[in-house]
Amino acid sequence: MVGHISPRGNAWLWLMILLMGVPVAMNAQYADEEYRMEVGARLGGTAYMGDANYNNPFKEMGLSAGLVARYNFNPRMSLKCDIAWGEIAGDTRTATTQFPEGQQVSFERNIYDVGVQLEYNFWPYGNGMSYRESRLFTPYLMGGLGLTIAPEPAEDVTAAHFSLGAGVKYKFAPRWNVGVEFAVRFTGTDKLDVTSLDGLMLEDPFQVKGGMMKNKDSYTMIGVTVTYDIWARCDNCNRD
């Protein structure tokens, strides 16, 4: 015996089918849509490397936070700009190096980081469009230039830096991206660890003069980034 469905039941059935189809249609629309830019924020840590810490990129790690903007040239190449704040610290008592006259010193300070980096994705990154074989997940490499600013306590320090790093990113929703990145900022100064004018001076404590990037301070930045896609590409234009 076949059950009878009333006109009201038919109406509810069609309404349910329609509502179930809306998310599918929305996802299909977003999957075909590309965006030129991403904007978002990053939260993570910062660690100093210099005379008090030569080889541990995670030692004395402090908090860092920042804003991120990324311009996507195509699914493989992006230009990223970021502004970040971080805390760095060091302590010669935990270093393996012996300093002149057995002196010891510790420090901590805030730094501000402004940079531009070029990113290269291992796989085409996007909404999974078949004509490009885009993927929702990709590892990437990055490199770029920037400026490091470290205000007092001892003296204001401003130096250019060169950045190298790697990361992974994942599009967890049609216009949302999450990523993890690790990068090293190689600065042109040896004064990031000078926060006092008394006692042991970590600005070239062994009097070994260096040039360019040699014998200079650096710092690492690791963080989780969440960005949102903006500025849709023109559907009627030729896609890059």
C-alpha atoms as a PDB file:
ATOM      1  CA  MET A   1       0.000   0.000   0.000  1.00  0.00           C
ATOM      2  CA  VAL A   2       1.404   3.316  -1.026  1.00  0.00           C
ATOM      3  CA  GLY A   3       0.921   6.077   1.504  1.00  0.00           C
ATOM      4  CA  HIS A   4      -0.844   9.233   0.429  1.00  0.00           C
ATOM      5  CA  ILE A   5       1.024  12.526   0.767  1.00  0.00           C
ATOM      6  CA  SER A   6      -1.210  15.540   1.212  1.00  0.00           C
ATOM      7  CA  PRO A   7      -0.686  18.782  -0.739  1.00  0.00           C
ATOM      8  CA  ARG A   8       0.636  20.334   2.480  1.00  0.00           C
ATOM      9  CA  GLY A   9       3.067  17.414   2.815  1.00  0.00           C
ATOM     10  CA  ASN A  10       4.211  17.928  -0.759  1.00  0.00           C
ATOM     11  CA  ALA A  11       4.856  21.583  -0.027  1.00  0.00           C
ATOM     12  CA  TRP A  12       6.984  20.737   3.027  1.00  0.00           C
ATOM     13  CA  LEU A  13       8.873  18.114   1.017  1.00  0.00           C
ATOM     14  CA  TRP A  14       9.741  20.587  -1.740  1.00  0.00           C
ATOM     15  CA  LEU A  15      10.713  23.217   0.824  1.00  0.00           C
ATOM     16  CA  MET A  16      13.102  20.775   2.505  1.00  0.00           C
ATOM     17  CA  ILE A  17      14.675  19.864  -0.838  1.00  0.00           C
ATOM     18  CA  LEU A  18      15.068  23.551  -1.665  1.00  0.00           C
ATOM     19  CA  LEU A  19      16.685  24.363   1.700  1.00  0.00           C
ATOM     20  CA  MET A  20      19.020  21.394   1.395  1.00  0.00           C
ATOM     21  CA  GLY A  21      20.071  22.608  -2.016  1.00  0.00           C
ATOM     22  CA  VAL A  22      20.899  26.175  -0.943  1.00  0.00           C
ATOM     23  CA  PRO A  23      24.208  25.340   0.812  1.00  0.00           C
ATOM     24  CA  VAL A  24      25.252  23.170  -2.122  1.00  0.00           C
ATOM     25  CA  ALA A  25      24.542  26.001  -4.550  1.00  0.00           C
ATOM     26  CA  MET A  26      26.385  28.486  -2.338  1.00  0.00           C
ATOM     27  CA  ASN A  27      29.412  26.219  -2.061  1.00  0.00           C
ATOM     28  CA  ALA A  28      29.410  25.695  -5.808  1.00  0.00           C
ATOM     29  CA  GLN A  29      29.285  29.456  -6.359  1.00  0.00           C
ATOM     30  CA  TYR A  30      32.171  30.122  -3.960  1.00  0.00           C
ATOM     31  CA  ALA A  31      34.181  27.222  -5.355  1.00  0.00           C
ATOM     32  CA  ASP A  32      34.171  28.912  -8.763  1.00  0.00           C
ATOM     33  CA  GLU A  33      35.079  32.308  -7.329  1.00  0.00           C
ATOM     34  CA  GLU A  34      38.652  33.559  -6.914  1.00  0.00           C
ATOM     35  CA  TYR A  35      39.878  36.393  -4.742  1.00  0.00           C
ATOM     36  CA  ARG A  36      42.946  38.546  -5.205  1.00  0.00           C
ATOM     37  CA  MET A  37      43.680  39.368  -1.557  1.00  0.00           C
ATOM     38  CA  GLU A  38      43.588  38.002   1.974  1.00  0.00           C
ATOM     39  CA  VAL A  39      43.584  39.997   5.203  1.00  0.00           C
ATOM     40  CA  GLY A  40      43.893  38.659   8.710  1.00  0.00           C
ATOM     41  CA  ALA A  41      45.895  38.299  11.900  1.00  0.00           C
ATOM     42  CA  ARG A  42      48.680  36.177  13.334  1.00  0.00           C
ATOM     43  CA  LEU A  43      49.408  34.961  16.864  1.00  0.00           C
ATOM     44  CA  GLY A  44      52.520  33.088  17.951  1.00  0.00           C
ATOM     45  CA  GLY A  45      55.989  33.455  19.430  1.00  0.00           C
ATOM     46  CA  THR A  46      59.322  35.224  18.896  1.00  0.00           C
ATOM     47  CA  ALA A  47      62.796  34.101  19.981  1.00  0.00           C
ATOM     48  CA  TYR A  48      66.126  35.956  19.915  1.00  0.00           C
ATOM     49  CA  MET A  49      69.366  34.501  18.515  1.00  0.00           C
ATOM     50  CA  GLY A  50      72.664  36.262  19.167  1.00  0.00           C
ATOM     51  CA  ASP A  51      75.601  36.331  21.579  1.00  0.00           C
ATOM     52  CA  ALA A  52      73.492  34.832  24.388  1.00  0.00           C
ATOM     53  CA  ASN A  53      71.902  32.155  22.177  1.00  0.00           C
ATOM     54  CA  TYR A  54      73.655  30.951  19.055  1.00  0.00           C
ATOM     55  CA  ASN A  55      71.705  27.892  17.949  1.00  0.00           C
ATOM     56  CA  ASN A  56      68.325  27.397  19.618  1.00  0.00           C
ATOM     57  CA  PRO A  57      65.540  29.048  17.554  1.00  0.00           C
ATOM     58  CA  PHE A  58      62.918  28.457  20.295  1.00  0.00           C
ATOM     59  CA  LYS A  59      64.843  29.467  23.420  1.00  0.00           C
ATOM     60  CA  GLU A  60      63.293  32.100  25.737  1.00  0.00           C
ATOM     61  CA  MET A  61      60.374  32.435  23.306  1.00  0.00           C
ATOM     62  CA  GLY A  62      58.037  35.327  23.972  1.00  0.00           C
ATOM     63  CA  LEU A  63      54.612  36.250  22.665  1.00  0.00           C
ATOM     64  CA  SER A  64      54.067  37.843  19.244  1.00  0.00           C
ATOM     65  CA  ALA A  65      51.026  39.112  17.361  1.00  0.00           C
ATOM     66  CA  GLY A  66      50.433  40.924  14.093  1.00  0.00           C
ATOM     67  CA  LEU A  67      48.355  41.778  11.052  1.00  0.00           C
ATOM     68  CA  VAL A  68      48.765  40.150   7.643  1.00  0.00           C
ATOM     69  CA  ALA A  69      47.765  41.074   4.073  1.00  0.00           C
ATOM     70  CA  ARG A  70      48.457  38.804   1.111  1.00  0.00           C
ATOM     71  CA  TYR A  71      48.086  39.600  -2.599  1.00  0.00           C
ATOM     72  CA  ASN A  72      47.711  36.462  -4.710  1.00  0.00           C
ATOM     73  CA  PHE A  73      49.222  36.866  -8.184  1.00  0.00           C
ATOM     74  CA  ASN A  74      48.106  33.349  -9.094  1.00  0.00           C
ATOM     75  CA  PRO A  75      47.636  29.993  -7.302  1.00  0.00           C
ATOM     76  CA  ARG A  76      51.423  29.579  -7.018  1.00  0.00           C
ATOM     77  CA  MET A  77      52.778  33.044  -6.127  1.00  0.00           C
ATOM     78  CA  SER A  78      51.781  35.571  -3.464  1.00  0.00           C
ATOM     79  CA  LEU A  79      53.143  38.793  -2.013  1.00  0.00           C
ATOM     80  CA  LYS A  80      52.622  39.099   1.730  1.00  0.00           C
ATOM     81  CA  CYS A  81      52.925  42.194   3.920  1.00  0.00           C
ATOM     82  CA  ASP A  82      52.868  41.964   7.695  1.00  0.00           C
ATOM     83  CA  ILE A  83      53.215  44.138  10.767  1.00  0.00           C
ATOM     84  CA  ALA A  84      54.055  42.399  14.024  1.00  0.00           C
ATOM     85  CA  TRP A  85      54.982  42.995  17.640  1.00  0.00           C
ATOM     86  CA  GLY A  86      57.061  40.529  19.627  1.00  0.00           C
ATOM     87  CA  GLU A  87      58.893  39.952  22.894  1.00  0.00           C
ATOM     88  CA  ILE A  88      62.504  38.733  22.884  1.00  0.00           C
ATOM     89  CA  ALA A  89      64.735  37.776  25.804  1.00  0.00           C
ATOM     90  CA  GLY A  90      68.144  36.264  26.512  1.00  0.00           C
ATOM     91  CA  ASP A  91      70.288  35.145  29.431  1.00  0.00           C
ATOM     92  CA  THR A  92      74.027  34.430  29.251  1.00  0.00           C
ATOM     93  CA  ARG A  93      73.787  32.147  32.317  1.00  0.00           C
ATOM     94  CA  THR A  94      72.116  29.515  30.145  1.00  0.00           C
ATOM     95  CA  ALA A  95      74.611  29.913  27.288  1.00  0.00           C
ATOM     96  CA  THR A  96      77.520  27.520  26.704  1.00  0.00           C
ATOM     97  CA  THR A  97      79.844  30.432  25.850  1.00  0.00           C
ATOM     98  CA  GLN A  98      82.260  31.844  28.428  1.00  0.00           C
ATOM     99  CA  PHE A  99      82.171  35.646  28.439  1.00  0.00           C
ATOM    100  CA  PRO A 100      85.035  38.026  29.353  1.00  0.00           C
ATOM    101  CA  GLU A 101      85.808  38.093  33.094  1.00  0.00           C
ATOM    102  CA  GLY A 102      82.959  35.635  33.702  1.00  0.00           C
ATOM    103  CA  GLN A 103      80.357  38.375  33.472  1.00  0.00           C
ATOM    104  CA  GLN A 104      76.683  37.488  33.026  1.00  0.00           C
ATOM    105  CA  VAL A 105      73.714  39.481  31.809  1.00  0.00           C
ATOM    106  CA  SER A 106      70.049  38.939  30.969  1.00  0.00           C
ATOM    107  CA  PHE A 107      67.661  41.124  29.021  1.00  0.00           C
ATOM    108  CA  GLU A 108      64.190  41.388  27.567  1.00  0.00           C
ATOM    109  CA  ARG A 109      62.646  43.895  25.198  1.00  0.00           C
ATOM    110  CA  ASN A 110      59.877  44.512  22.673  1.00  0.00           C
ATOM    111  CA  ILE A 111      60.468  44.579  18.935  1.00  0.00           C
ATOM    112  CA  TYR A 112      58.308  45.742  16.051  1.00  0.00           C
ATOM    113  CA  ASP A 113      58.561  44.041  12.686  1.00  0.00           C
ATOM    114  CA  VAL A 114      57.435  45.333   9.296  1.00  0.00           C
ATOM    115  CA  GLY A 115      58.115  43.164   6.268  1.00  0.00           C
ATOM    116  CA  VAL A 116      57.284  42.147   2.725  1.00  0.00           C
ATOM    117  CA  GLN A 117      57.795  38.565   1.573  1.00  0.00           C
ATOM    118  CA  LEU A 118      57.322  36.638  -1.650  1.00  0.00           C
ATOM    119  CA  GLU A 119      55.687  33.238  -1.191  1.00  0.00           C
ATOM    120  CA  TYR A 120      55.893  30.232  -3.506  1.00  0.00           C
ATOM    121  CA  ASN A 121      53.293  27.476  -3.080  1.00  0.00           C
ATOM    122  CA  PHE A 122      54.398  23.906  -3.767  1.00  0.00           C
ATOM    123  CA  TRP A 123      50.918  23.160  -5.180  1.00  0.00           C
ATOM    124  CA  PRO A 124      48.384  25.502  -6.827  1.00  0.00           C
ATOM    125  CA  TYR A 125      46.364  26.895  -3.932  1.00  0.00           C
ATOM    126  CA  GLY A 126      42.688  27.776  -4.156  1.00  0.00           C
ATOM    127  CA  ASN A 127      39.140  26.526  -4.022  1.00  0.00           C
ATOM    128  CA  GLY A 128      39.894  23.253  -5.774  1.00  0.00           C
ATOM    129  CA  MET A 129      39.041  24.427  -9.290  1.00  0.00           C
ATOM    130  CA  SER A 130      39.519  21.505 -11.652  1.00  0.00           C
ATOM    131  CA  TYR A 131      40.853  23.538 -14.579  1.00  0.00           C
ATOM    132  CA  ARG A 132      43.848  24.555 -12.462  1.00  0.00           C
ATOM    133  CA  GLU A 133      44.081  21.450 -10.310  1.00  0.00           C
ATOM    134  CA  SER A 134      44.055  23.782  -7.315  1.00  0.00           C
ATOM    135  CA  ARG A 135      44.238  22.309  -3.826  1.00  0.00           C
ATOM    136  CA  LEU A 136      42.846  23.391  -0.491  1.00  0.00           C
ATOM    137  CA  PHE A 137      46.183  22.665   1.216  1.00  0.00           C
ATOM    138  CA  THR A 138      49.790  23.473   0.312  1.00  0.00           C
ATOM    139  CA  PRO A 139      53.219  23.922   1.889  1.00  0.00           C
ATOM    140  CA  TYR A 140      55.162  27.008   0.788  1.00  0.00           C
ATOM    141  CA  LEU A 141      58.515  28.769   0.978  1.00  0.00           C
ATOM    142  CA  MET A 142      58.966  32.485   1.585  1.00  0.00           C
ATOM    143  CA  GLY A 143      61.665  35.130   1.530  1.00  0.00           C
ATOM    144  CA  GLY A 144      61.729  38.894   1.766  1.00  0.00           C
ATOM    145  CA  LEU A 145      62.942  42.128   3.299  1.00  0.00           C
ATOM    146  CA  GLY A 146      61.783  44.259   6.161  1.00  0.00           C
ATOM    147  CA  LEU A 147      62.534  46.572   9.039  1.00  0.00           C
ATOM    148  CA  THR A 148      63.063  45.747  12.713  1.00  0.00           C
ATOM    149  CA  ILE A 149      62.470  48.451  15.325  1.00  0.00           C
ATOM    150  CA  ALA A 150      63.438  47.924  18.973  1.00  0.00           C
ATOM    151  CA  PRO A 151      62.711  50.924  21.233  1.00  0.00           C
ATOM    152  CA  GLU A 152      64.556  51.673  24.503  1.00  0.00           C
ATOM    153  CA  PRO A 153      65.430  50.794  27.361  1.00  0.00           C
ATOM    154  CA  ALA A 154      69.111  51.388  26.482  1.00  0.00           C
ATOM    155  CA  GLU A 155      68.796  52.907  23.025  1.00  0.00           C
ATOM    156  CA  ASP A 156      66.462  52.855  20.050  1.00  0.00           C
ATOM    157  CA  VAL A 157      67.511  50.303  17.442  1.00  0.00           C
ATOM    158  CA  THR A 158      66.309  50.331  13.831  1.00  0.00           C
ATOM    159  CA  ALA A 159      67.723  47.851  11.337  1.00  0.00           C
ATOM    160  CA  ALA A 160      66.883  46.243   8.032  1.00  0.00           C
ATOM    161  CA  HIS A 161      66.344  42.487   8.007  1.00  0.00           C
ATOM    162  CA  PHE A 162      66.306  39.638   5.501  1.00  0.00           C
ATOM    163  CA  SER A 163      63.685  36.954   6.061  1.00  0.00           C
ATOM    164  CA  LEU A 164      63.590  33.249   5.155  1.00  0.00           C
ATOM    165  CA  GLY A 165      60.918  30.769   6.137  1.00  0.00           C
ATOM    166  CA  ALA A 166      58.419  28.042   5.327  1.00  0.00           C
ATOM    167  CA  GLY A 167      54.853  27.229   6.174  1.00  0.00           C
ATOM    168  CA  VAL A 168      51.643  25.448   5.321  1.00  0.00           C
ATOM    169  CA  LYS A 169      48.194  26.852   4.612  1.00  0.00           C
ATOM    170  CA  TYR A 170      44.732  25.326   4.378  1.00  0.00           C
ATOM    171  CA  LYS A 171      41.444  26.733   3.053  1.00  0.00           C
ATOM    172  CA  PHE A 172      39.014  25.445   5.662  1.00  0.00           C
ATOM    173  CA  ALA A 173      36.019  27.384   4.285  1.00  0.00           C
ATOM    174  CA  PRO A 174      35.253  29.028   0.911  1.00  0.00           C
ATOM    175  CA  ARG A 175      36.794  32.386   1.941  1.00  0.00           C
ATOM    176  CA  TRP A 176      38.748  31.450   5.070  1.00  0.00           C
ATOM    177  CA  ASN A 177      42.387  30.339   5.311  1.00  0.00           C
ATOM    178  CA  VAL A 178      44.481  29.092   8.211  1.00  0.00           C
ATOM    179  CA  GLY A 179      48.254  28.683   8.157  1.00  0.00           C
ATOM    180  CA  VAL A 180      51.324  27.969  10.265  1.00  0.00           C
ATOM    181  CA  GLU A 181      54.627  29.666   9.422  1.00  0.00           C
ATOM    182  CA  PHE A 182      58.171  29.595  10.789  1.00  0.00           C
ATOM    183  CA  ALA A 183      60.649  32.281   9.685  1.00  0.00           C
ATOM    184  CA  VAL A 184      64.044  33.669  10.649  1.00  0.00           C
ATOM    185  CA  ARG A 185      64.743  37.402  10.488  1.00  0.00           C
ATOM    186  CA  PHE A 186      68.451  38.085   9.902  1.00  0.00           C
ATOM    187  CA  THR A 187      69.047  41.674  10.987  1.00  0.00           C
ATOM    188  CA  GLY A 188      71.839  44.103  10.215  1.00  0.00           C
ATOM    189  CA  THR A 189      72.434  45.037  13.863  1.00  0.00           C
ATOM    190  CA  ASP A 190      74.240  43.524  16.847  1.00  0.00           C
ATOM    191  CA  LYS A 191      72.321  45.641  19.359  1.00  0.00           C
ATOM    192  CA  LEU A 192      69.053  43.758  19.860  1.00  0.00           C
ATOM    193  CA  ASP A 193      70.527  42.274  23.047  1.00  0.00           C
ATOM    194  CA  VAL A 194      71.814  45.604  24.432  1.00  0.00           C
ATOM    195  CA  THR A 195      69.200  46.814  26.912  1.00  0.00           C
ATOM    196  CA  SER A 196      71.529  48.276  29.557  1.00  0.00           C
ATOM    197  CA  LEU A 197      74.642  50.419  29.409  1.00  0.00           C
ATOM    198  CA  ASP A 198      76.046  48.777  32.562  1.00  0.00           C
ATOM    199  CA  GLY A 199      77.893  45.473  32.916  1.00  0.00           C
ATOM    200  CA  LEU A 200      78.568  42.993  30.111  1.00  0.00           C
ATOM    201  CA  MET A 201      77.843  44.469  26.689  1.00  0.00           C
ATOM    202  CA  LEU A 202      76.502  41.928  24.213  1.00  0.00           C
ATOM    203  CA  GLU A 203      77.281  44.203  21.301  1.00  0.00           C
ATOM    204  CA  ASP A 204      80.382  42.333  20.076  1.00  0.00           C
ATOM    205  CA  PRO A 205      81.559  41.191  23.558  1.00  0.00           C
ATOM    206  CA  PHE A 206      84.618  39.413  22.098  1.00  0.00           C
ATOM    207  CA  GLN A 207      85.636  42.353  19.887  1.00  0.00           C
ATOM    208  CA  VAL A 208      85.286  40.293  16.714  1.00  0.00           C
ATOM    209  CA  LYS A 209      84.187  42.739  14.075  1.00  0.00           C
ATOM    210  CA  GLY A 210      81.675  41.472  11.533  1.00  0.00           C
ATOM    211  CA  GLY A 211      80.432  42.827   8.265  1.00  0.00           C
ATOM    212  CA  MET A 212      77.067  42.787   6.573  1.00  0.00           C
ATOM    213  CA  MET A 213      75.113  39.914   8.207  1.00  0.00           C
ATOM    214  CA  LYS A 214      78.087  38.317   9.998  1.00  0.00           C
ATOM    215  CA  ASN A 215      78.140  38.551  13.797  1.00  0.00           C
ATOM    216  CA  LYS A 216      74.676  40.140  13.799  1.00  0.00           C
ATOM    217  CA  ASP A 217      71.559  39.388  15.834  1.00  0.00           C
ATOM    218  CA  SER A 218      68.574  37.552  14.441  1.00  0.00           C
ATOM    219  CA  TYR A 219      65.222  36.310  15.714  1.00  0.00           C
ATOM    220  CA  THR A 220      62.692  33.663  14.805  1.00  0.00           C
ATOM    221  CA  MET A 221      58.956  34.099  14.426  1.00  0.00           C
ATOM    222  CA  ILE A 222      56.462  31.237  14.490  1.00  0.00           C
ATOM    223  CA  GLY A 223      52.732  31.720  14.374  1.00  0.00           C
ATOM    224  CA  VAL A 224      49.258  30.678  13.331  1.00  0.00           C
ATOM    225  CA  THR A 225      47.608  32.948  10.765  1.00  0.00           C
ATOM    226  CA  VAL A 226      43.917  33.240   9.928  1.00  0.00           C
ATOM    227  CA  THR A 227      42.944  35.273   6.839  1.00  0.00           C
ATOM    228  CA  TYR A 228      39.757  36.143   4.954  1.00  0.00           C
ATOM    229  CA  ASP A 229      39.537  36.459   1.155  1.00  0.00           C
ATOM    230  CA  ILE A 230      38.548  39.826  -0.324  1.00  0.00           C
ATOM    231  CA  TRP A 231      38.509  41.549  -3.744  1.00  0.00           C
ATOM    232  CA  ALA A 232      36.962  38.986  -6.090  1.00  0.00           C
ATOM    233  CA  ARG A 233      38.507  38.552  -9.513  1.00  0.00           C
ATOM    234  CA  CYS A 234      36.402  39.565 -12.486  1.00  0.00           C
ATOM    235  CA  ASP A 235      34.470  36.508 -13.754  1.00  0.00           C
ATOM    236  CA  ASN A 236      34.326  37.943 -17.255  1.00  0.00           C
ATOM    237  CA  CYS A 237      38.091  38.635 -17.404  1.00  0.00           C
ATOM    238  CA  ASN A 238      40.765  36.266 -18.545  1.00  0.00           C
ATOM    239  CA  ARG A 239      42.157  34.518 -15.475  1.00  0.00           C
ATOM    240  CA  ASP A 240      45.876  34.699 -14.836  1.00  0.00           C
END
